[in-house]
C-alpha atoms as a PDB file:
ATOM      1  CA  MET A   1      54.890  74.223 107.292  1.00  0.00           C
ATOM      2  CA  ALA A   2      58.354  74.627 108.743  1.00  0.00           C
ATOM      3  CA  THR A   3      58.296  74.107 112.548  1.00  0.00           C
ATOM      4  CA  TRP A   4      60.362  75.992 115.158  1.00  0.00           C
ATOM      5  CA  SER A   5      62.535  73.982 117.897  1.00  0.00           C
ATOM      6  CA  VAL A   6      62.096  75.653 121.182  1.00  0.00           C
ATOM      7  CA  SER A   7      65.683  74.823 121.665  1.00  0.00           C
ATOM      8  CA  ALA A   8      66.922  76.389 118.590  1.00  0.00           C
ATOM      9  CA  TYR A   9      67.849  79.818 120.520  1.00  0.00           C
ATOM     10  CA  GLY A  10      69.873  78.455 123.227  1.00  0.00           C
ATOM     11  CA  ARG A  11      67.603  76.545 125.630  1.00  0.00           C
ATOM     12  CA  ARG A  12      69.953  73.632 125.363  1.00  0.00           C
ATOM     13  CA  GLY A  13      72.785  75.543 124.308  1.00  0.00           C
ATOM     14  CA  ARG A  14      72.784  75.971 120.531  1.00  0.00           C
ATOM     15  CA  ARG A  15      74.064  79.080 119.415  1.00  0.00           C
ATOM     16  CA  VAL A  16      72.676  80.841 116.134  1.00  0.00           C
ATOM     17  CA  ASN A  17      72.897  83.183 113.547  1.00  0.00           C
ATOM     18  CA  LEU A  18      71.249  86.530 113.857  1.00  0.00           C
ATOM     19  CA  PHE A  19      70.508  89.154 111.154  1.00  0.00           C
ATOM     20  CA  ALA A  20      68.893  92.559 112.027  1.00  0.00           C
ATOM     21  CA  PHE A  21      67.777  94.885 109.564  1.00  0.00           C
ATOM     22  CA  GLY A  22      68.534  98.204 111.239  1.00  0.00           C
ATOM     23  CA  VAL A  23      71.285  97.942 113.750  1.00  0.00           C
ATOM     24  CA  GLY A  24      69.868 100.657 116.054  1.00  0.00           C
ATOM     25  CA  LEU A  25      69.341 101.067 119.908  1.00  0.00           C
ATOM     26  CA  THR A  26      66.808  97.872 120.074  1.00  0.00           C
ATOM     27  CA  ALA A  27      68.847  95.752 117.937  1.00  0.00           C
ATOM     28  CA  GLU A  28      72.514  96.754 119.986  1.00  0.00           C
ATOM     29  CA  ALA A  29      70.327  95.833 123.123  1.00  0.00           C
ATOM     30  CA  LEU A  30      69.207  92.640 121.991  1.00  0.00           C
ATOM     31  CA  ILE A  31      72.897  91.598 120.816  1.00  0.00           C
ATOM     32  CA  GLY A  32      74.166  92.839 124.361  1.00  0.00           C
ATOM     33  CA  GLU A  33      71.491  91.076 126.112  1.00  0.00           C
ATOM     34  CA  GLY A  34      71.858  87.716 124.299  1.00  0.00           C
ATOM     35  CA  ARG A  35      75.284  87.768 122.817  1.00  0.00           C
ATOM     36  CA  PRO A  36      76.238  84.271 124.100  1.00  0.00           C
ATOM     37  CA  ARG A  37      73.402  82.916 122.383  1.00  0.00           C
ATOM     38  CA  PHE A  38      74.266  84.130 118.890  1.00  0.00           C
ATOM     39  CA  LEU A  39      76.917  82.325 116.825  1.00  0.00           C
ATOM     40  CA  SER A  40      77.198  85.092 114.296  1.00  0.00           C
ATOM     41  CA  LEU A  41      75.739  88.755 114.001  1.00  0.00           C
ATOM     42  CA  ALA A  42      75.177  90.335 110.935  1.00  0.00           C
ATOM     43  CA  GLY A  43      72.929  93.262 109.883  1.00  0.00           C
ATOM     44  CA  THR A  44      72.466  96.789 108.131  1.00  0.00           C
ATOM     45  CA  ALA A  45      73.224 100.346 108.723  1.00  0.00           C
ATOM     46  CA  ARG A  46      72.461 103.617 106.774  1.00  0.00           C
ATOM     47  CA  SER A  47      75.845 105.126 106.435  1.00  0.00           C
ATOM     48  CA  PRO A  48      79.541 104.047 106.000  1.00  0.00           C
ATOM     49  CA  ALA A  49      80.581 105.341 109.252  1.00  0.00           C
ATOM     50  CA  ARG A  50      78.051 103.467 111.459  1.00  0.00           C
ATOM     51  CA  VAL A  51      78.795 100.406 109.191  1.00  0.00           C
ATOM     52  CA  ALA A  52      82.723 100.899 110.259  1.00  0.00           C
ATOM     53  CA  GLU A  53      81.593 101.104 113.958  1.00  0.00           C
ATOM     54  CA  LEU A  54      79.649  98.182 114.221  1.00  0.00           C
ATOM     55  CA  ALA A  55      82.257  96.040 112.289  1.00  0.00           C
ATOM     56  CA  ALA A  56      84.915  97.367 115.034  1.00  0.00           C
ATOM     57  CA  ARG A  57      82.480  95.642 117.357  1.00  0.00           C
ATOM     58  CA  GLY A  58      82.354  92.376 116.013  1.00  0.00           C
ATOM     59  CA  ILE A  59      79.160  92.827 113.786  1.00  0.00           C
ATOM     60  CA  ALA A  60      79.149  92.065 110.070  1.00  0.00           C
ATOM     61  CA  ALA A  61      77.696  95.321 108.957  1.00  0.00           C
ATOM     62  CA  ARG A  62      76.289  95.977 105.563  1.00  0.00           C
ATOM     63  CA  LEU A  63      75.247  99.386 103.929  1.00  0.00           C
ATOM     64  CA  PHE A  64      71.334  99.292 103.588  1.00  0.00           C
ATOM     65  CA  ASP A  65      71.343 100.785 100.118  1.00  0.00           C
ATOM     66  CA  PRO A  66      69.695  98.425  97.573  1.00  0.00           C
ATOM     67  CA  PRO A  67      70.285  97.348  95.036  1.00  0.00           C
ATOM     68  CA  ARG A  68      74.178  98.331  95.626  1.00  0.00           C
ATOM     69  CA  ALA A  69      74.607  96.380  98.663  1.00  0.00           C
ATOM     70  CA  ASP A  70      72.349  93.409  97.539  1.00  0.00           C
ATOM     71  CA  HIS A  71      74.874  90.704  97.294  1.00  0.00           C
ATOM     72  CA  ALA A  72      76.513  91.067 100.827  1.00  0.00           C
ATOM     73  CA  ILE A  73      72.979  91.035 102.600  1.00  0.00           C
ATOM     74  CA  ARG A  74      71.866  88.190 100.581  1.00  0.00           C
ATOM     75  CA  ARG A  75      74.787  86.059 101.518  1.00  0.00           C
ATOM     76  CA  ASP A  76      74.470  86.890 105.056  1.00  0.00           C
ATOM     77  CA  LEU A  77      70.657  86.284 104.921  1.00  0.00           C
ATOM     78  CA  ALA A  78      71.549  82.801 103.340  1.00  0.00           C
ATOM     79  CA  GLY A  79      72.656  81.387 106.678  1.00  0.00           C
ATOM     80  CA  ALA A  80      70.497  83.597 109.125  1.00  0.00           C
ATOM     81  CA  GLU A  81      68.231  81.446 111.279  1.00  0.00           C
ATOM     82  CA  GLY A  82      66.587  84.617 112.998  1.00  0.00           C
ATOM     83  CA  VAL A  83      65.934  88.029 111.784  1.00  0.00           C
ATOM     84  CA  LEU A  84      65.112  91.141 113.312  1.00  0.00           C
ATOM     85  CA  VAL A  85      63.386  94.061 111.248  1.00  0.00           C
ATOM     86  CA  SER A  86      63.509  97.518 112.795  1.00  0.00           C
ATOM     87  CA  ILE A  87      63.479  99.526 109.339  1.00  0.00           C
ATOM     88  CA  PRO A  88      60.473 101.397 109.207  1.00  0.00           C
ATOM     89  CA  PRO A  89      58.242 101.385 106.171  1.00  0.00           C
ATOM     90  CA  ASP A  90      58.253 104.142 103.522  1.00  0.00           C
ATOM     91  CA  ARG A  91      55.754 105.409 101.133  1.00  0.00           C
ATOM     92  CA  ASP A  92      56.185 102.499  98.816  1.00  0.00           C
ATOM     93  CA  GLY A  93      55.746  99.926 101.567  1.00  0.00           C
ATOM     94  CA  ASP A  94      58.004  97.878 103.610  1.00  0.00           C
ATOM     95  CA  PRO A  95      61.560  98.221 102.100  1.00  0.00           C
ATOM     96  CA  THR A  96      63.033  95.011 103.456  1.00  0.00           C
ATOM     97  CA  LEU A  97      60.177  92.829 101.877  1.00  0.00           C
ATOM     98  CA  ARG A  98      60.530  94.973  98.798  1.00  0.00           C
ATOM     99  CA  TRP A  99      64.180  94.109  98.353  1.00  0.00           C
ATOM    100  CA  PHE A 100      64.744  90.903 100.246  1.00  0.00           C
ATOM    101  CA  SER A 101      61.376  88.753 100.515  1.00  0.00           C
ATOM    102  CA  ASP A 102      62.893  86.312  97.929  1.00  0.00           C
ATOM    103  CA  ALA A 103      66.088  85.890  99.981  1.00  0.00           C
ATOM    104  CA  LEU A 104      64.387  85.683 103.228  1.00  0.00           C
ATOM    105  CA  ALA A 105      62.068  82.953 101.624  1.00  0.00           C
ATOM    106  CA  ALA A 106      65.306  81.056  99.987  1.00  0.00           C
ATOM    107  CA  ALA A 107      66.947  81.036 103.598  1.00  0.00           C
ATOM    108  CA  SER A 108      66.502  77.273 104.534  1.00  0.00           C
ATOM    109  CA  GLY A 109      67.677  77.813 108.151  1.00  0.00           C
ATOM    110  CA  LEU A 110      65.486  80.714 108.886  1.00  0.00           C
ATOM    111  CA  ARG A 111      62.691  80.001 111.187  1.00  0.00           C
ATOM    112  CA  TRP A 112      61.964  83.291 113.034  1.00  0.00           C
ATOM    113  CA  VAL A 113      61.274  87.023 111.999  1.00  0.00           C
ATOM    114  CA  GLY A 114      60.589  89.780 114.586  1.00  0.00           C
ATOM    115  CA  TYR A 115      59.004  92.940 113.118  1.00  0.00           C
ATOM    116  CA  LEU A 116      59.431  95.864 115.316  1.00  0.00           C
ATOM    117  CA  SER A 117      56.169  98.203 115.098  1.00  0.00           C
ATOM    118  CA  THR A 118      54.559 100.576 117.288  1.00  0.00           C
ATOM    119  CA  ILE A 119      51.528 101.091 119.783  1.00  0.00           C
ATOM    120  CA  GLY A 120      51.120 104.193 117.484  1.00  0.00           C
ATOM    121  CA  VAL A 121      49.004 102.065 115.050  1.00  0.00           C
ATOM    122  CA  TYR A 122      46.164 101.780 117.618  1.00  0.00           C
ATOM    123  CA  GLY A 123      45.549 105.741 117.204  1.00  0.00           C
ATOM    124  CA  ASP A 124      43.780 107.773 119.726  1.00  0.00           C
ATOM    125  CA  HIS A 125      41.414 106.237 122.622  1.00  0.00           C
ATOM    126  CA  GLY A 126      41.193 109.369 124.719  1.00  0.00           C
ATOM    127  CA  GLY A 127      43.238 107.596 127.609  1.00  0.00           C
ATOM    128  CA  ALA A 128      41.395 103.940 127.585  1.00  0.00           C
ATOM    129  CA  CYS A 129      43.304 100.919 127.604  1.00  0.00           C
ATOM    130  CA  VAL A 130      44.002  99.037 124.179  1.00  0.00           C
ATOM    131  CA  ASP A 131      45.643  95.514 124.006  1.00  0.00           C
ATOM    132  CA  GLU A 132      46.152  93.219 121.002  1.00  0.00           C
ATOM    133  CA  THR A 133      42.491  92.599 120.395  1.00  0.00           C
ATOM    134  CA  THR A 134      41.853  96.419 119.897  1.00  0.00           C
ATOM    135  CA  PRO A 135      41.704  97.088 116.029  1.00  0.00           C
ATOM    136  CA  PRO A 136      44.431  99.269 114.859  1.00  0.00           C
ATOM    137  CA  ALA A 137      42.915 102.700 113.938  1.00  0.00           C
ATOM    138  CA  PRO A 138      45.950 104.802 112.870  1.00  0.00           C
ATOM    139  CA  SER A 139      45.523 108.521 112.963  1.00  0.00           C
ATOM    140  CA  ASN A 140      48.423 109.520 110.680  1.00  0.00           C
ATOM    141  CA  ASP A 141      50.146 108.413 107.475  1.00  0.00           C
ATOM    142  CA  ARG A 142      53.232 107.062 109.389  1.00  0.00           C
ATOM    143  CA  SER A 143      50.831 104.827 111.448  1.00  0.00           C
ATOM    144  CA  ARG A 144      48.954 103.512 108.426  1.00  0.00           C
ATOM    145  CA  ARG A 145      51.972 102.453 106.844  1.00  0.00           C
ATOM    146  CA  ARG A 146      53.027 100.524 109.919  1.00  0.00           C
ATOM    147  CA  VAL A 147      49.650  98.854 109.913  1.00  0.00           C
ATOM    148  CA  ALA A 148      50.124  97.698 106.250  1.00  0.00           C
ATOM    149  CA  ALA A 149      53.740  96.759 106.882  1.00  0.00           C
ATOM    150  CA  GLU A 150      52.410  94.583 109.877  1.00  0.00           C
ATOM    151  CA  GLU A 151      49.975  92.930 107.598  1.00  0.00           C
ATOM    152  CA  ALA A 152      52.290  92.212 105.116  1.00  0.00           C
ATOM    153  CA  TRP A 153      54.776  90.759 107.135  1.00  0.00           C
ATOM    154  CA  LEU A 154      52.371  88.443 108.715  1.00  0.00           C
ATOM    155  CA  GLU A 155      51.077  87.328 105.361  1.00  0.00           C
ATOM    156  CA  TRP A 156      54.700  86.560 104.416  1.00  0.00           C
ATOM    157  CA  GLY A 157      55.161  84.320 107.322  1.00  0.00           C
ATOM    158  CA  ARG A 158      51.638  82.608 106.440  1.00  0.00           C
ATOM    159  CA  ARG A 159      53.010  81.922 102.560  1.00  0.00           C
ATOM    160  CA  SER A 160      56.451  80.961 103.508  1.00  0.00           C
ATOM    161  CA  GLY A 161      55.747  78.831 106.465  1.00  0.00           C
ATOM    162  CA  ARG A 162      58.014  80.757 108.827  1.00  0.00           C
ATOM    163  CA  ILE A 163      57.215  82.239 112.137  1.00  0.00           C
ATOM    164  CA  VAL A 164      56.856  85.913 111.957  1.00  0.00           C
ATOM    165  CA  GLN A 165      55.858  87.912 115.060  1.00  0.00           C
ATOM    166  CA  VAL A 166      55.083  91.797 115.460  1.00  0.00           C
ATOM    167  CA  PHE A 167      56.043  93.787 118.309  1.00  0.00           C
ATOM    168  CA  ARG A 168      54.274  96.977 119.208  1.00  0.00           C
ATOM    169  CA  LEU A 169      56.630  99.042 121.166  1.00  0.00           C
ATOM    170  CA  ALA A 170      56.150 101.949 123.375  1.00  0.00           C
ATOM    171  CA  GLY A 171      58.166 105.086 123.517  1.00  0.00           C
ATOM    172  CA  ILE A 172      61.677 103.390 123.773  1.00  0.00           C
ATOM    173  CA  TYR A 173      64.085 104.862 126.305  1.00  0.00           C
ATOM    174  CA  GLY A 174      67.501 103.672 127.256  1.00  0.00           C
ATOM    175  CA  PRO A 175      71.489 104.869 127.277  1.00  0.00           C
ATOM    176  CA  GLY A 176      71.782 107.976 125.617  1.00  0.00           C
ATOM    177  CA  ARG A 177      68.102 108.204 124.853  1.00  0.00           C
ATOM    178  CA  ASN A 178      66.066 109.575 128.031  1.00  0.00           C
ATOM    179  CA  ALA A 179      64.844 112.182 130.201  1.00  0.00           C
ATOM    180  CA  LEU A 180      68.191 112.477 132.029  1.00  0.00           C
ATOM    181  CA  VAL A 181      70.152 113.024 128.834  1.00  0.00           C
ATOM    182  CA  ASN A 182      67.466 115.759 127.718  1.00  0.00           C
ATOM    183  CA  LEU A 183      67.800 117.561 130.928  1.00  0.00           C
ATOM    184  CA  ALA A 184      71.574 117.657 130.742  1.00  0.00           C
ATOM    185  CA  GLU A 185      71.471 118.878 127.177  1.00  0.00           C
ATOM    186  CA  GLY A 186      68.916 121.495 127.936  1.00  0.00           C
ATOM    187  CA  SER A 187      66.362 120.000 125.638  1.00  0.00           C
ATOM    188  CA  ALA A 188      63.783 118.728 128.297  1.00  0.00           C
ATOM    189  CA  ARG A 189      60.587 120.504 128.462  1.00  0.00           C
ATOM    190  CA  ARG A 190      57.576 119.847 130.593  1.00  0.00           C
ATOM    191  CA  ILE A 191      54.722 120.006 128.047  1.00  0.00           C
ATOM    192  CA  VAL A 192      51.073 119.727 129.785  1.00  0.00           C
ATOM    193  CA  LYS A 193      48.062 118.228 128.202  1.00  0.00           C
ATOM    194  CA  ARG A 194      45.093 117.396 130.727  1.00  0.00           C
ATOM    195  CA  ASP A 195      45.026 113.719 131.345  1.00  0.00           C
ATOM    196  CA  GLN A 196      47.763 113.007 128.642  1.00  0.00           C
ATOM    197  CA  VAL A 197      49.518 109.798 129.086  1.00  0.00           C
ATOM    198  CA  PHE A 198      52.297 107.773 127.688  1.00  0.00           C
ATOM    199  CA  ASN A 199      53.673 104.453 127.917  1.00  0.00           C
ATOM    200  CA  ARG A 200      57.111 103.736 127.801  1.00  0.00           C
ATOM    201  CA  ILE A 201      59.554 100.750 127.748  1.00  0.00           C
ATOM    202  CA  HIS A 202      63.182 100.337 128.431  1.00  0.00           C
ATOM    203  CA  VAL A 203      65.451  98.960 125.667  1.00  0.00           C
ATOM    204  CA  GLU A 204      66.640  96.092 127.625  1.00  0.00           C
ATOM    205  CA  ASP A 205      63.100  95.073 128.282  1.00  0.00           C
ATOM    206  CA  ILE A 206      62.521  94.969 124.612  1.00  0.00           C
ATOM    207  CA  ALA A 207      65.537  92.815 124.243  1.00  0.00           C
ATOM    208  CA  ARG A 208      64.601  90.314 126.862  1.00  0.00           C
ATOM    209  CA  ALA A 209      60.987  90.161 125.389  1.00  0.00           C
ATOM    210  CA  LEU A 210      62.652  89.337 122.119  1.00  0.00           C
ATOM    211  CA  LEU A 211      64.632  86.547 123.293  1.00  0.00           C
ATOM    212  CA  ALA A 212      61.730  85.196 125.177  1.00  0.00           C
ATOM    213  CA  ALA A 213      59.772  85.292 122.041  1.00  0.00           C
ATOM    214  CA  MET A 214      62.584  83.282 120.122  1.00  0.00           C
ATOM    215  CA  ASP A 215      62.214  80.728 122.921  1.00  0.00           C
ATOM    216  CA  GLU A 216      58.459  80.420 122.912  1.00  0.00           C
ATOM    217  CA  PRO A 217      57.623  81.494 119.258  1.00  0.00           C
ATOM    218  CA  ARG A 218      53.755  81.595 118.512  1.00  0.00           C
ATOM    219  CA  PRO A 219      53.309  81.889 114.948  1.00  0.00           C
ATOM    220  CA  GLY A 220      51.654  85.221 113.952  1.00  0.00           C
ATOM    221  CA  ALA A 221      51.844  86.555 117.617  1.00  0.00           C
ATOM    222  CA  VAL A 222      51.481  90.162 117.908  1.00  0.00           C
ATOM    223  CA  TYR A 223      52.373  91.710 121.171  1.00  0.00           C
ATOM    224  CA  ASN A 224      52.295  95.114 123.052  1.00  0.00           C
ATOM    225  CA  VAL A 225      55.596  95.837 124.724  1.00  0.00           C
ATOM    226  CA  ALA A 226      55.048  98.555 127.100  1.00  0.00           C
ATOM    227  CA  ASP A 227      55.855  99.198 130.839  1.00  0.00           C
ATOM    228  CA  ASP A 228      53.213  98.778 133.851  1.00  0.00           C
ATOM    229  CA  GLU A 229      52.317 102.381 134.269  1.00  0.00           C
ATOM    230  CA  PRO A 230      51.509 105.071 131.617  1.00  0.00           C
ATOM    231  CA  ALA A 231      52.264 108.253 132.927  1.00  0.00           C
ATOM    232  CA  PRO A 232      52.109 111.964 132.072  1.00  0.00           C
ATOM    233  CA  PRO A 233      55.288 112.977 130.104  1.00  0.00           C
ATOM    234  CA  GLN A 234      55.678 116.063 132.663  1.00  0.00           C
ATOM    235  CA  GLU A 235      56.043 113.938 135.450  1.00  0.00           C
ATOM    236  CA  VAL A 236      58.767 111.777 134.093  1.00  0.00           C
ATOM    237  CA  VAL A 237      60.840 114.918 133.671  1.00  0.00           C
ATOM    238  CA  THR A 238      59.994 116.089 136.956  1.00  0.00           C
ATOM    239  CA  TYR A 239      61.279 112.907 138.500  1.00  0.00           C
ATOM    240  CA  ALA A 240      64.455 112.884 136.329  1.00  0.00           C
ATOM    241  CA  ALA A 241      65.239 116.090 137.581  1.00  0.00           C
ATOM    242  CA  ALA A 242      64.800 115.186 141.033  1.00  0.00           C
ATOM    243  CA  LEU A 243      67.456 112.600 140.379  1.00  0.00           C
ATOM    244  CA  LEU A 244      69.841 114.966 139.117  1.00  0.00           C
ATOM    245  CA  ASP A 245      68.854 117.303 142.009  1.00  0.00           C
ATOM    246  CA  ARG A 246      67.786 120.375 139.835  1.00  0.00           C
ATOM    247  CA  GLU A 247      64.918 122.524 139.202  1.00  0.00           C
ATOM    248  CA  PRO A 248      62.730 120.854 136.485  1.00  0.00           C
ATOM    249  CA  PRO A 249      62.006 123.241 133.604  1.00  0.00           C
ATOM    250  CA  PRO A 250      58.752 125.230 133.544  1.00  0.00           C
ATOM    251  CA  GLU A 251      55.531 123.706 132.689  1.00  0.00           C
ATOM    252  CA  ILE A 252      54.278 124.816 129.187  1.00  0.00           C
ATOM    253  CA  PRO A 253      50.327 124.334 128.188  1.00  0.00           C
ATOM    254  CA  ILE A 254      50.206 122.229 125.093  1.00  0.00           C
ATOM    255  CA  GLU A 255      48.527 125.289 123.547  1.00  0.00           C
ATOM    256  CA  GLU A 256      51.851 127.041 123.821  1.00  0.00           C
ATOM    257  CA  ALA A 257      54.168 124.358 123.171  1.00  0.00           C
ATOM    258  CA  ALA A 258      54.968 125.042 119.492  1.00  0.00           C
ATOM    259  CA  LEU A 259      55.060 121.370 118.661  1.00  0.00           C
ATOM    260  CA  GLY A 260      56.878 120.206 115.337  1.00  0.00           C
ATOM    261  CA  PRO A 261      54.612 117.812 113.432  1.00  0.00           C
ATOM    262  CA  MET A 262      56.034 114.703 114.731  1.00  0.00           C
ATOM    263  CA  ALA A 263      55.487 115.680 118.552  1.00  0.00           C
ATOM    264  CA  ALA A 264      52.496 117.171 117.685  1.00  0.00           C
ATOM    265  CA  SER A 265      51.288 113.713 116.410  1.00  0.00           C
ATOM    266  CA  PHE A 266      52.178 112.006 119.562  1.00  0.00           C
ATOM    267  CA  TYR A 267      50.184 114.254 121.601  1.00  0.00           C
ATOM    268  CA  ALA A 268      47.263 113.926 119.533  1.00  0.00           C
ATOM    269  CA  GLU A 269      46.888 110.197 121.106  1.00  0.00           C
ATOM    270  CA  ASN A 270      46.148 109.461 124.222  1.00  0.00           C
ATOM    271  CA  LYS A 271      46.057 105.624 125.486  1.00  0.00           C
ATOM    272  CA  ARG A 272      47.116 102.980 127.960  1.00  0.00           C
ATOM    273  CA  ALA A 273      48.639 100.066 126.515  1.00  0.00           C
ATOM    274  CA  SER A 274      48.152  96.542 128.165  1.00  0.00           C
ATOM    275  CA  ASN A 275      51.305  94.402 128.570  1.00  0.00           C
ATOM    276  CA  ARG A 276      49.441  91.375 129.751  1.00  0.00           C
ATOM    277  CA  LEU A 277      49.567  89.265 126.795  1.00  0.00           C
ATOM    278  CA  ILE A 278      53.381  89.078 126.532  1.00  0.00           C
ATOM    279  CA  LYS A 279      54.186  88.828 130.235  1.00  0.00           C
ATOM    280  CA  HIS A 280      51.627  86.118 130.684  1.00  0.00           C
ATOM    281  CA  GLU A 281      52.433  84.179 127.290  1.00  0.00           C
ATOM    282  CA  LEU A 282      56.234  84.369 127.841  1.00  0.00           C
ATOM    283  CA  ALA A 283      56.762  84.400 131.819  1.00  0.00           C
ATOM    284  CA  LEU A 284      58.050  87.956 131.687  1.00  0.00           C
ATOM    285  CA  ALA A 285      58.558  90.183 134.500  1.00  0.00           C
ATOM    286  CA  TRP A 286      60.139  93.726 133.367  1.00  0.00           C
ATOM    287  CA  ARG A 287      63.658  94.379 134.708  1.00  0.00           C
ATOM    288  CA  TYR A 288      62.286  97.961 134.843  1.00  0.00           C
ATOM    289  CA  PRO A 289      58.626  98.115 135.321  1.00  0.00           C
ATOM    290  CA  THR A 290      58.215 102.009 135.245  1.00  0.00           C
ATOM    291  CA  TYR A 291      60.154 104.864 134.399  1.00  0.00           C
ATOM    292  CA  ARG A 292      61.527 105.229 137.833  1.00  0.00           C
ATOM    293  CA  GLU A 293      63.363 102.007 137.713  1.00  0.00           C
ATOM    294  CA  GLY A 294      64.666 102.557 134.738  1.00  0.00           C
ATOM    295  CA  LEU A 295      65.928 106.173 135.218  1.00  0.00           C
ATOM    296  CA  ARG A 296      67.471 105.153 138.505  1.00  0.00           C
ATOM    297  CA  ALA A 297      69.222 102.589 136.713  1.00  0.00           C
ATOM    298  CA  LEU A 298      70.515 104.876 133.773  1.00  0.00           C
ATOM    299  CA  LEU A 299      71.653 107.418 136.327  1.00  0.00           C
ATOM    300  CA  ALA A 300      73.434 104.730 138.245  1.00  0.00           C
ATOM    301  CA  ALA A 301      75.030 103.114 135.204  1.00  0.00           C
ATOM    302  CA  GLU A 302      76.280 106.878 133.963  1.00  0.00           C
ATOM    303  CA  SER A 303      77.682 107.655 137.525  1.00  0.00           C
ATOM    304  CA  GLY A 304      79.603 104.254 137.649  1.00  0.00           C
ATOM    305  CA  LYS A 305      80.850 105.150 134.015  1.00  0.00           C
ATOM    306  CA  ARG A 306      82.200 108.308 134.977  1.00  0.00           C
ATOM    307  CA  SER A 307      83.431 107.177 138.062  1.00  0.00           C
ATOM    308  CA  GLY A 308      85.450 104.495 136.256  1.00  0.00           C
ATOM    309  CA  MET A 309      86.699 107.145 133.702  1.00  0.00           C
ATOM    310  CA  ALA A 310      88.019 109.251 136.725  1.00  0.00           C
ATOM    311  CA  GLU A 311      89.882 106.402 138.341  1.00  0.00           C
ATOM    312  CA  THR A 312      91.582 105.560 135.098  1.00  0.00           C
ATOM    313  CA  LYS A 313      92.805 109.088 134.551  1.00  0.00           C
ATOM    314  CA  SER A 314      94.117 109.330 138.006  1.00  0.00           C
ATOM    315  CA  ARG A 315      96.465 106.141 137.459  1.00  0.00           C
END
């Protein structure tokens, strides 16, 4: 079996090549947090406009449109040492494995694959705590496909001798995707379901967890990546409104909320995800342990950005 050097992701200064299947919010946060540690950056996007945007920022972006973009992606993978996978599975399975498992297996320098999954694989636990020893019990097709993709990636790792790790993410928030933005856009709602709680995780903490896992890579590890305080969703909206010094939207009982299928599936599940394993194994302390620290930092960053823009215009 291949071995993984702890120094390979920068413990002693070595820089490596990273490829991300799906350069979205999380992959961008990883690149931003760990950019000095990456010798080269490449990845995929879903549209030509997004490819051009990423290329302008120094990321060798390829259109994920197999088999048409097959050659460019395979060429990048040949030199990859770390691969992040955030493209979700479809009805036919995991598209990355379906199209590129052979190219990944042939990449002689590849040592680490991080697969981004979701705590949705646990299903509903009536508000009880779940951890990585809790058997998945997905309650919808989307989560069932996630479980199958996790298993497929872990099995590929065992067969190929490469380290594969699965990261089950809580609800992601960060720049451009948070309760403050929803309030500003008028889309925030305070939907109330008795005793309902959700875990969240700031995207910067996901990035820090991924970097730490690259440094201490346990083969086949499965980690919950969730904050320290699962909370009712309406409380988060209320707190965000207070930060903005505005009245929160009215509370709406879940029975009157007229939720779409996706939102309804989220509210159908109630659990508290433990983050004890990843914090213990990787000696992590979250930068934003609860939504309160995260929202305050996002507001401060946005205020600083507006202040900087105003100062530039005044010159």
